[in-house]
Amino acid sequence: MDGDDLVSGPPPLLPPPGQRIAEACVLAAVASDEREGHLQVPRKHVERTVGEDQEERELKLGAWIGNQRSRAATLSPERVEQLSAIGMRWA
């Protein structure tokens, strides 16, 4: 192996897995809201999405939205603002 085979610089930084899941769930919530007109999804609702890698994923969107609502007091202000902006009802 010569020097041309080496990649220079540090590897790209990826957000932590929990953050990637949250970002995917926010995108899925937006899609669900656009399709259904609300974010009142049943707790057992599973949203099927296709990632950037073209793989189909199943996100437990109903559970995630329910968890965000129940944890509202502990969410960052940025997360509350992000979810409010996409139509989250907190009560």
PDB file of N, CA and C in Angstrom:
ATOM      1  N   MET A   1       0.848  -1.164   0.000  1.00  0.00           N
ATOM      2  CA  MET A   1       0.000   0.000   0.000  1.00  0.00           C
ATOM      3  C   MET A   1       0.897   1.231   0.000  1.00  0.00           C
ATOM      4  N   ASP A   2       0.619   2.186  -0.892  1.00  0.00           N
ATOM      5  CA  ASP A   2       1.413   3.405  -0.922  1.00  0.00           C
ATOM      6  C   ASP A   2       0.613   4.563  -0.327  1.00  0.00           C
ATOM      7  N   GLY A   3       1.200   5.716  -0.263  1.00  0.00           N
ATOM      8  CA  GLY A   3       0.583   6.881   0.359  1.00  0.00           C
ATOM      9  C   GLY A   3      -0.701   7.330  -0.309  1.00  0.00           C
ATOM     10  N   ASP A   4      -0.873   7.006  -1.612  1.00  0.00           N
ATOM     11  CA  ASP A   4      -2.093   7.416  -2.315  1.00  0.00           C
ATOM     12  C   ASP A   4      -3.322   6.653  -1.831  1.00  0.00           C
ATOM     13  N   ASP A   5      -3.114   5.496  -1.195  1.00  0.00           N
ATOM     14  CA  ASP A   5      -4.226   4.690  -0.722  1.00  0.00           C
ATOM     15  C   ASP A   5      -4.777   5.175   0.614  1.00  0.00           C
ATOM     16  N   LEU A   6      -4.051   6.026   1.286  1.00  0.00           N
ATOM     17  CA  LEU A   6      -4.473   6.500   2.600  1.00  0.00           C
ATOM     18  C   LEU A   6      -5.414   7.684   2.450  1.00  0.00           C
ATOM     19  N   VAL A   7      -6.401   7.722   3.301  1.00  0.00           N
ATOM     20  CA  VAL A   7      -7.327   8.846   3.318  1.00  0.00           C
ATOM     21  C   VAL A   7      -6.773   9.861   4.294  1.00  0.00           C
ATOM     22  N   SER A   8      -6.636  11.098   3.850  1.00  0.00           N
ATOM     23  CA  SER A   8      -6.095  12.110   4.743  1.00  0.00           C
ATOM     24  C   SER A   8      -7.197  12.706   5.608  1.00  0.00           C
ATOM     25  N   GLY A   9      -6.819  13.128   6.791  1.00  0.00           N
ATOM     26  CA  GLY A   9      -7.760  13.760   7.696  1.00  0.00           C
ATOM     27  C   GLY A   9      -8.509  12.747   8.531  1.00  0.00           C
ATOM     28  N   PRO A  10      -9.199  13.252   9.533  1.00  0.00           N
ATOM     29  CA  PRO A  10      -9.952  12.352  10.415  1.00  0.00           C
ATOM     30  C   PRO A  10     -11.182  11.805   9.707  1.00  0.00           C
ATOM     31  N   PRO A  11     -11.703  10.684  10.186  1.00  0.00           N
ATOM     32  CA  PRO A  11     -12.924  10.140   9.576  1.00  0.00           C
ATOM     33  C   PRO A  11     -14.082  11.109   9.821  1.00  0.00           C
ATOM     34  N   PRO A  12     -15.090  11.075   8.962  1.00  0.00           N
ATOM     35  CA  PRO A  12     -16.222  11.985   9.161  1.00  0.00           C
ATOM     36  C   PRO A  12     -16.921  11.667  10.482  1.00  0.00           C
ATOM     37  N   LEU A  13     -17.339  12.720  11.149  1.00  0.00           N
ATOM     38  CA  LEU A  13     -18.026  12.542  12.421  1.00  0.00           C
ATOM     39  C   LEU A  13     -19.510  12.324  12.174  1.00  0.00           C
ATOM     40  N   LEU A  14     -20.036  11.294  12.777  1.00  0.00           N
ATOM     41  CA  LEU A  14     -21.466  11.013  12.689  1.00  0.00           C
ATOM     42  C   LEU A  14     -22.100  11.366  14.022  1.00  0.00           C
ATOM     43  N   PRO A  15     -23.339  11.822  13.975  1.00  0.00           N
ATOM     44  CA  PRO A  15     -24.003  12.065  15.253  1.00  0.00           C
ATOM     45  C   PRO A  15     -24.199  10.742  15.983  1.00  0.00           C
ATOM     46  N   PRO A  16     -24.364  10.801  17.303  1.00  0.00           N
ATOM     47  CA  PRO A  16     -24.602   9.563  18.053  1.00  0.00           C
ATOM     48  C   PRO A  16     -25.847   8.848  17.552  1.00  0.00           C
ATOM     49  N   PRO A  17     -25.915   7.519  17.711  1.00  0.00           N
ATOM     50  CA  PRO A  17     -27.062   6.761  17.193  1.00  0.00           C
ATOM     51  C   PRO A  17     -28.414   7.312  17.656  1.00  0.00           C
ATOM     52  N   GLY A  18     -28.526   7.700  18.914  1.00  0.00           N
ATOM     53  CA  GLY A  18     -29.796   8.241  19.408  1.00  0.00           C
ATOM     54  C   GLY A  18     -30.205   9.497  18.682  1.00  0.00           C
ATOM     55  N   GLN A  19     -29.235  10.325  18.359  1.00  0.00           N
ATOM     56  CA  GLN A  19     -29.522  11.559  17.627  1.00  0.00           C
ATOM     57  C   GLN A  19     -29.935  11.252  16.195  1.00  0.00           C
ATOM     58  N   ARG A  20     -29.298  10.261  15.577  1.00  0.00           N
ATOM     59  CA  ARG A  20     -29.673   9.879  14.207  1.00  0.00           C
ATOM     60  C   ARG A  20     -31.099   9.346  14.184  1.00  0.00           C
ATOM     61  N   ILE A  21     -31.465   8.552  15.201  1.00  0.00           N
ATOM     62  CA  ILE A  21     -32.831   8.030  15.274  1.00  0.00           C
ATOM     63  C   ILE A  21     -33.810   9.175  15.450  1.00  0.00           C
ATOM     64  N   ALA A  22     -33.473  10.121  16.334  1.00  0.00           N
ATOM     65  CA  ALA A  22     -34.358  11.273  16.563  1.00  0.00           C
ATOM     66  C   ALA A  22     -34.538  12.072  15.283  1.00  0.00           C
ATOM     67  N   GLU A  23     -33.453  12.294  14.545  1.00  0.00           N
ATOM     68  CA  GLU A  23     -33.550  13.035  13.291  1.00  0.00           C
ATOM     69  C   GLU A  23     -34.426  12.282  12.289  1.00  0.00           C
ATOM     70  N   ALA A  24     -34.267  10.975  12.219  1.00  0.00           N
ATOM     71  CA  ALA A  24     -35.089  10.166  11.318  1.00  0.00           C
ATOM     72  C   ALA A  24     -36.554  10.226  11.739  1.00  0.00           C
ATOM     73  N   CYS A  25     -36.806  10.202  13.046  1.00  0.00           N
ATOM     74  CA  CYS A  25     -38.188  10.269  13.537  1.00  0.00           C
ATOM     75  C   CYS A  25     -38.811  11.632  13.261  1.00  0.00           C
ATOM     76  N   VAL A  26     -38.032  12.695  13.381  1.00  0.00           N
ATOM     77  CA  VAL A  26     -38.566  14.026  13.046  1.00  0.00           C
ATOM     78  C   VAL A  26     -38.958  14.064  11.574  1.00  0.00           C
ATOM     79  N   LEU A  27     -38.112  13.550  10.706  1.00  0.00           N
ATOM     80  CA  LEU A  27     -38.435  13.522   9.272  1.00  0.00           C
ATOM     81  C   LEU A  27     -39.664  12.661   9.010  1.00  0.00           C
ATOM     82  N   ALA A  28     -39.767  11.532   9.702  1.00  0.00           N
ATOM     83  CA  ALA A  28     -40.933  10.661   9.547  1.00  0.00           C
ATOM     84  C   ALA A  28     -42.188  11.343  10.070  1.00  0.00           C
ATOM     85  N   ALA A  29     -42.055  12.108  11.154  1.00  0.00           N
ATOM     86  CA  ALA A  29     -43.199  12.845  11.703  1.00  0.00           C
ATOM     87  C   ALA A  29     -43.679  13.903  10.715  1.00  0.00           C
ATOM     88  N   VAL A  30     -42.749  14.587  10.078  1.00  0.00           N
ATOM     89  CA  VAL A  30     -43.112  15.577   9.056  1.00  0.00           C
ATOM     90  C   VAL A  30     -43.869  14.897   7.925  1.00  0.00           C
ATOM     91  N   ALA A  31     -43.362  13.774   7.446  1.00  0.00           N
ATOM     92  CA  ALA A  31     -44.017  13.043   6.354  1.00  0.00           C
ATOM     93  C   ALA A  31     -45.405  12.582   6.774  1.00  0.00           C
ATOM     94  N   SER A  32     -45.518  12.075   7.991  1.00  0.00           N
ATOM     95  CA  SER A  32     -46.817  11.606   8.492  1.00  0.00           C
ATOM     96  C   SER A  32     -47.798  12.764   8.607  1.00  0.00           C
ATOM     97  N   ASP A  33     -47.328  13.890   9.129  1.00  0.00           N
ATOM     98  CA  ASP A  33     -48.182  15.070   9.273  1.00  0.00           C
ATOM     99  C   ASP A  33     -48.652  15.570   7.908  1.00  0.00           C
ATOM    100  N   GLU A  34     -47.746  15.598   6.934  1.00  0.00           N
ATOM    101  CA  GLU A  34     -48.129  16.041   5.584  1.00  0.00           C
ATOM    102  C   GLU A  34     -49.151  15.092   4.969  1.00  0.00           C
ATOM    103  N   ARG A  35     -48.990  13.809   5.210  1.00  0.00           N
ATOM    104  CA  ARG A  35     -49.880  12.808   4.641  1.00  0.00           C
ATOM    105  C   ARG A  35     -51.232  12.768   5.358  1.00  0.00           C
ATOM    106  N   GLU A  36     -51.205  12.804   6.705  1.00  0.00           N
ATOM    107  CA  GLU A  36     -52.416  12.622   7.499  1.00  0.00           C
ATOM    108  C   GLU A  36     -53.046  13.924   7.974  1.00  0.00           C
ATOM    109  N   GLY A  37     -52.252  14.998   8.007  1.00  0.00           N
ATOM    110  CA  GLY A  37     -52.762  16.289   8.459  1.00  0.00           C
ATOM    111  C   GLY A  37     -52.691  16.486   9.963  1.00  0.00           C
ATOM    112  N   HIS A  38     -52.024  15.581  10.681  1.00  0.00           N
ATOM    113  CA  HIS A  38     -51.887  15.695  12.134  1.00  0.00           C
ATOM    114  C   HIS A  38     -50.794  14.751  12.618  1.00  0.00           C
ATOM    115  N   LEU A  39     -50.423  14.923  13.881  1.00  0.00           N
ATOM    116  CA  LEU A  39     -49.436  14.037  14.494  1.00  0.00           C
ATOM    117  C   LEU A  39     -50.052  13.200  15.609  1.00  0.00           C
ATOM    118  N   GLN A  40     -51.336  12.990  15.556  1.00  0.00           N
ATOM    119  CA  GLN A  40     -52.027  12.160  16.550  1.00  0.00           C
ATOM    120  C   GLN A  40     -51.976  10.704  16.094  1.00  0.00           C
ATOM    121  N   VAL A  41     -50.786  10.135  16.124  1.00  0.00           N
ATOM    122  CA  VAL A  41     -50.618   8.755  15.661  1.00  0.00           C
ATOM    123  C   VAL A  41     -50.778   7.793  16.832  1.00  0.00           C
ATOM    124  N   PRO A  42     -51.334   6.614  16.593  1.00  0.00           N
ATOM    125  CA  PRO A  42     -51.455   5.619  17.661  1.00  0.00           C
ATOM    126  C   PRO A  42     -50.072   5.219  18.181  1.00  0.00           C
ATOM    127  N   ARG A  43     -49.997   4.875  19.436  1.00  0.00           N
ATOM    128  CA  ARG A  43     -48.715   4.525  20.064  1.00  0.00           C
ATOM    129  C   ARG A  43     -48.018   3.383  19.316  1.00  0.00           C
ATOM    130  N   LYS A  44     -48.748   2.468  18.729  1.00  0.00           N
ATOM    131  CA  LYS A  44     -48.140   1.320  18.041  1.00  0.00           C
ATOM    132  C   LYS A  44     -47.843   1.578  16.560  1.00  0.00           C
ATOM    133  N   HIS A  45     -48.050   2.819  16.107  1.00  0.00           N
ATOM    134  CA  HIS A  45     -47.839   3.128  14.686  1.00  0.00           C
ATOM    135  C   HIS A  45     -46.367   2.979  14.308  1.00  0.00           C
ATOM    136  N   VAL A  46     -46.124   2.312  13.202  1.00  0.00           N
ATOM    137  CA  VAL A  46     -44.782   2.148  12.648  1.00  0.00           C
ATOM    138  C   VAL A  46     -44.752   2.843  11.294  1.00  0.00           C
ATOM    139  N   GLU A  47     -43.798   3.737  11.122  1.00  0.00           N
ATOM    140  CA  GLU A  47     -43.641   4.478   9.861  1.00  0.00           C
ATOM    141  C   GLU A  47     -42.515   3.820   9.076  1.00  0.00           C
ATOM    142  N   ARG A  48     -42.789   3.482   7.840  1.00  0.00           N
ATOM    143  CA  ARG A  48     -41.763   2.891   6.975  1.00  0.00           C
ATOM    144  C   ARG A  48     -41.127   4.000   6.152  1.00  0.00           C
ATOM    145  N   THR A  49     -39.797   4.052   6.196  1.00  0.00           N
ATOM    146  CA  THR A  49     -39.058   5.081   5.473  1.00  0.00           C
ATOM    147  C   THR A  49     -37.936   4.434   4.678  1.00  0.00           C
ATOM    148  N   VAL A  50     -37.387   5.188   3.744  1.00  0.00           N
ATOM    149  CA  VAL A  50     -36.219   4.755   2.982  1.00  0.00           C
ATOM    150  C   VAL A  50     -35.105   5.741   3.301  1.00  0.00           C
ATOM    151  N   GLY A  51     -33.992   5.219   3.817  1.00  0.00           N
ATOM    152  CA  GLY A  51     -32.870   6.059   4.196  1.00  0.00           C
ATOM    153  C   GLY A  51     -32.038   6.485   3.000  1.00  0.00           C
ATOM    154  N   GLU A  52     -31.027   7.300   3.309  1.00  0.00           N
ATOM    155  CA  GLU A  52     -30.116   7.764   2.259  1.00  0.00           C
ATOM    156  C   GLU A  52     -29.409   6.607   1.572  1.00  0.00           C
ATOM    157  N   ASP A  53     -29.252   5.501   2.293  1.00  0.00           N
ATOM    158  CA  ASP A  53     -28.594   4.317   1.729  1.00  0.00           C
ATOM    159  C   ASP A  53     -29.570   3.444   0.943  1.00  0.00           C
ATOM    160  N   GLN A  54     -30.804   3.959   0.757  1.00  0.00           N
ATOM    161  CA  GLN A  54     -31.867   3.287   0.009  1.00  0.00           C
ATOM    162  C   GLN A  54     -32.384   2.029   0.696  1.00  0.00           C
ATOM    163  N   GLU A  55     -32.081   1.880   1.987  1.00  0.00           N
ATOM    164  CA  GLU A  55     -32.614   0.744   2.739  1.00  0.00           C
ATOM    165  C   GLU A  55     -33.897   1.154   3.436  1.00  0.00           C
ATOM    166  N   GLU A  56     -34.878   0.252   3.397  1.00  0.00           N
ATOM    167  CA  GLU A  56     -36.144   0.523   4.071  1.00  0.00           C
ATOM    168  C   GLU A  56     -35.974   0.303   5.567  1.00  0.00           C
ATOM    169  N   ARG A  57     -36.534   1.225   6.341  1.00  0.00           N
ATOM    170  CA  ARG A  57     -36.478   1.122   7.795  1.00  0.00           C
ATOM    171  C   ARG A  57     -37.878   1.264   8.363  1.00  0.00           C
ATOM    172  N   GLU A  58     -38.072   0.658   9.503  1.00  0.00           N
ATOM    173  CA  GLU A  58     -39.331   0.809  10.220  1.00  0.00           C
ATOM    174  C   GLU A  58     -39.039   1.583  11.499  1.00  0.00           C
ATOM    175  N   LEU A  59     -39.664   2.735  11.624  1.00  0.00           N
ATOM    176  CA  LEU A  59     -39.485   3.570  12.808  1.00  0.00           C
ATOM    177  C   LEU A  59     -40.737   3.483  13.666  1.00  0.00           C
ATOM    178  N   LYS A  60     -40.565   3.262  14.932  1.00  0.00           N
ATOM    179  CA  LYS A  60     -41.697   3.199  15.861  1.00  0.00           C
ATOM    180  C   LYS A  60     -42.127   4.624  16.188  1.00  0.00           C
ATOM    181  N   LEU A  61     -42.733   5.263  15.199  1.00  0.00           N
ATOM    182  CA  LEU A  61     -43.055   6.680  15.295  1.00  0.00           C
ATOM    183  C   LEU A  61     -44.065   6.973  16.399  1.00  0.00           C
ATOM    184  N   GLY A  62     -45.074   6.140  16.545  1.00  0.00           N
ATOM    185  CA  GLY A  62     -46.078   6.373  17.586  1.00  0.00           C
ATOM    186  C   GLY A  62     -45.466   6.376  18.976  1.00  0.00           C
ATOM    187  N   ALA A  63     -44.606   5.415  19.246  1.00  0.00           N
ATOM    188  CA  ALA A  63     -43.933   5.345  20.549  1.00  0.00           C
ATOM    189  C   ALA A  63     -43.024   6.545  20.734  1.00  0.00           C
ATOM    190  N   TRP A  64     -42.291   6.923  19.679  1.00  0.00           N
ATOM    191  CA  TRP A  64     -41.366   8.040  19.780  1.00  0.00           C
ATOM    192  C   TRP A  64     -42.111   9.342  20.068  1.00  0.00           C
ATOM    193  N   ILE A  65     -43.214   9.581  19.351  1.00  0.00           N
ATOM    194  CA  ILE A  65     -43.985  10.807  19.587  1.00  0.00           C
ATOM    195  C   ILE A  65     -44.548  10.800  21.009  1.00  0.00           C
ATOM    196  N   GLY A  66     -45.090   9.669  21.441  1.00  0.00           N
ATOM    197  CA  GLY A  66     -45.601   9.567  22.801  1.00  0.00           C
ATOM    198  C   GLY A  66     -44.522   9.836  23.843  1.00  0.00           C
ATOM    199  N   ASN A  67     -43.334   9.316  23.598  1.00  0.00           N
ATOM    200  CA  ASN A  67     -42.221   9.545  24.524  1.00  0.00           C
ATOM    201  C   ASN A  67     -41.819  11.015  24.554  1.00  0.00           C
ATOM    202  N   GLN A  68     -41.814  11.658  23.397  1.00  0.00           N
ATOM    203  CA  GLN A  68     -41.462  13.083  23.371  1.00  0.00           C
ATOM    204  C   GLN A  68     -42.475  13.893  24.180  1.00  0.00           C
ATOM    205  N   ARG A  69     -43.758  13.549  24.022  1.00  0.00           N
ATOM    206  CA  ARG A  69     -44.795  14.256  24.784  1.00  0.00           C
ATOM    207  C   ARG A  69     -44.612  14.050  26.286  1.00  0.00           C
ATOM    208  N   SER A  70     -44.370  12.813  26.684  1.00  0.00           N
ATOM    209  CA  SER A  70     -44.263  12.530  28.122  1.00  0.00           C
ATOM    210  C   SER A  70     -42.981  13.099  28.725  1.00  0.00           C
ATOM    211  N   ARG A  71     -41.985  13.348  27.895  1.00  0.00           N
ATOM    212  CA  ARG A  71     -40.705  13.882  28.369  1.00  0.00           C
ATOM    213  C   ARG A  71     -40.543  15.368  28.053  1.00  0.00           C
ATOM    214  N   ALA A  72     -41.613  16.035  27.715  1.00  0.00           N
ATOM    215  CA  ALA A  72     -41.546  17.432  27.272  1.00  0.00           C
ATOM    216  C   ALA A  72     -40.780  18.317  28.241  1.00  0.00           C
ATOM    217  N   ALA A  73     -40.955  18.098  29.516  1.00  0.00           N
ATOM    218  CA  ALA A  73     -40.300  18.943  30.516  1.00  0.00           C
ATOM    219  C   ALA A  73     -38.786  18.772  30.526  1.00  0.00           C
ATOM    220  N   THR A  74     -38.295  17.655  30.009  1.00  0.00           N
ATOM    221  CA  THR A  74     -36.853  17.401  30.035  1.00  0.00           C
ATOM    222  C   THR A  74     -36.198  17.571  28.667  1.00  0.00           C
ATOM    223  N   LEU A  75     -36.981  17.852  27.637  1.00  0.00           N
ATOM    224  CA  LEU A  75     -36.405  18.046  26.300  1.00  0.00           C
ATOM    225  C   LEU A  75     -35.703  19.394  26.233  1.00  0.00           C
ATOM    226  N   SER A  76     -34.721  19.469  25.345  1.00  0.00           N
ATOM    227  CA  SER A  76     -34.042  20.754  25.147  1.00  0.00           C
ATOM    228  C   SER A  76     -35.020  21.744  24.518  1.00  0.00           C
ATOM    229  N   PRO A  77     -34.816  23.030  24.771  1.00  0.00           N
ATOM    230  CA  PRO A  77     -35.681  24.031  24.138  1.00  0.00           C
ATOM    231  C   PRO A  77     -35.663  23.929  22.612  1.00  0.00           C
ATOM    232  N   GLU A  78     -34.508  23.549  22.061  1.00  0.00           N
ATOM    233  CA  GLU A  78     -34.400  23.407  20.608  1.00  0.00           C
ATOM    234  C   GLU A  78     -35.302  22.285  20.099  1.00  0.00           C
ATOM    235  N   ARG A  79     -35.330  21.161  20.847  1.00  0.00           N
ATOM    236  CA  ARG A  79     -36.169  20.029  20.433  1.00  0.00           C
ATOM    237  C   ARG A  79     -37.648  20.398  20.535  1.00  0.00           C
ATOM    238  N   VAL A  80     -38.029  21.070  21.624  1.00  0.00           N
ATOM    239  CA  VAL A  80     -39.426  21.491  21.794  1.00  0.00           C
ATOM    240  C   VAL A  80     -39.819  22.430  20.649  1.00  0.00           C
ATOM    241  N   GLU A  81     -38.942  23.370  20.323  1.00  0.00           N
ATOM    242  CA  GLU A  81     -39.231  24.301  19.230  1.00  0.00           C
ATOM    243  C   GLU A  81     -39.332  23.559  17.903  1.00  0.00           C
ATOM    244  N   GLN A  82     -38.435  22.612  17.669  1.00  0.00           N
ATOM    245  CA  GLN A  82     -38.443  21.835  16.420  1.00  0.00           C
ATOM    246  C   GLN A  82     -39.747  21.053  16.287  1.00  0.00           C
ATOM    247  N   LEU A  83     -40.148  20.378  17.355  1.00  0.00           N
ATOM    248  CA  LEU A  83     -41.366  19.577  17.301  1.00  0.00           C
ATOM    249  C   LEU A  83     -42.614  20.454  17.224  1.00  0.00           C
ATOM    250  N   SER A  84     -42.608  21.569  17.925  1.00  0.00           N
ATOM    251  CA  SER A  84     -43.749  22.493  17.856  1.00  0.00           C
ATOM    252  C   SER A  84     -43.915  23.033  16.445  1.00  0.00           C
ATOM    253  N   ALA A  85     -42.785  23.292  15.778  1.00  0.00           N
ATOM    254  CA  ALA A  85     -42.817  23.839  14.429  1.00  0.00           C
ATOM    255  C   ALA A  85     -43.429  22.863  13.419  1.00  0.00           C
ATOM    256  N   ILE A  86     -43.374  21.571  13.716  1.00  0.00           N
ATOM    257  CA  ILE A  86     -43.956  20.590  12.779  1.00  0.00           C
ATOM    258  C   ILE A  86     -45.344  20.153  13.201  1.00  0.00           C
ATOM    259  N   GLY A  87     -45.908  20.825  14.223  1.00  0.00           N
ATOM    260  CA  GLY A  87     -47.295  20.553  14.571  1.00  0.00           C
ATOM    261  C   GLY A  87     -47.530  19.663  15.772  1.00  0.00           C
ATOM    262  N   MET A  88     -46.514  19.472  16.611  1.00  0.00           N
ATOM    263  CA  MET A  88     -46.697  18.644  17.796  1.00  0.00           C
ATOM    264  C   MET A  88     -47.671  19.301  18.749  1.00  0.00           C
ATOM    265  N   ARG A  89     -48.636  18.515  19.211  1.00  0.00           N
ATOM    266  CA  ARG A  89     -49.532  18.945  20.281  1.00  0.00           C
ATOM    267  C   ARG A  89     -49.016  18.332  21.561  1.00  0.00           C
ATOM    268  N   TRP A  90     -48.802  19.155  22.551  1.00  0.00           N
ATOM    269  CA  TRP A  90     -48.153  18.696  23.774  1.00  0.00           C
ATOM    270  C   TRP A  90     -49.112  18.153  24.809  1.00  0.00           C
ATOM    271  N   ALA A  91     -50.391  18.384  24.644  1.00  0.00           N
ATOM    272  CA  ALA A  91     -51.359  17.891  25.648  1.00  0.00           C
ATOM    273  C   ALA A  91     -52.301  16.875  25.030  1.00  0.00           C
TER     274      ALA A  91
END
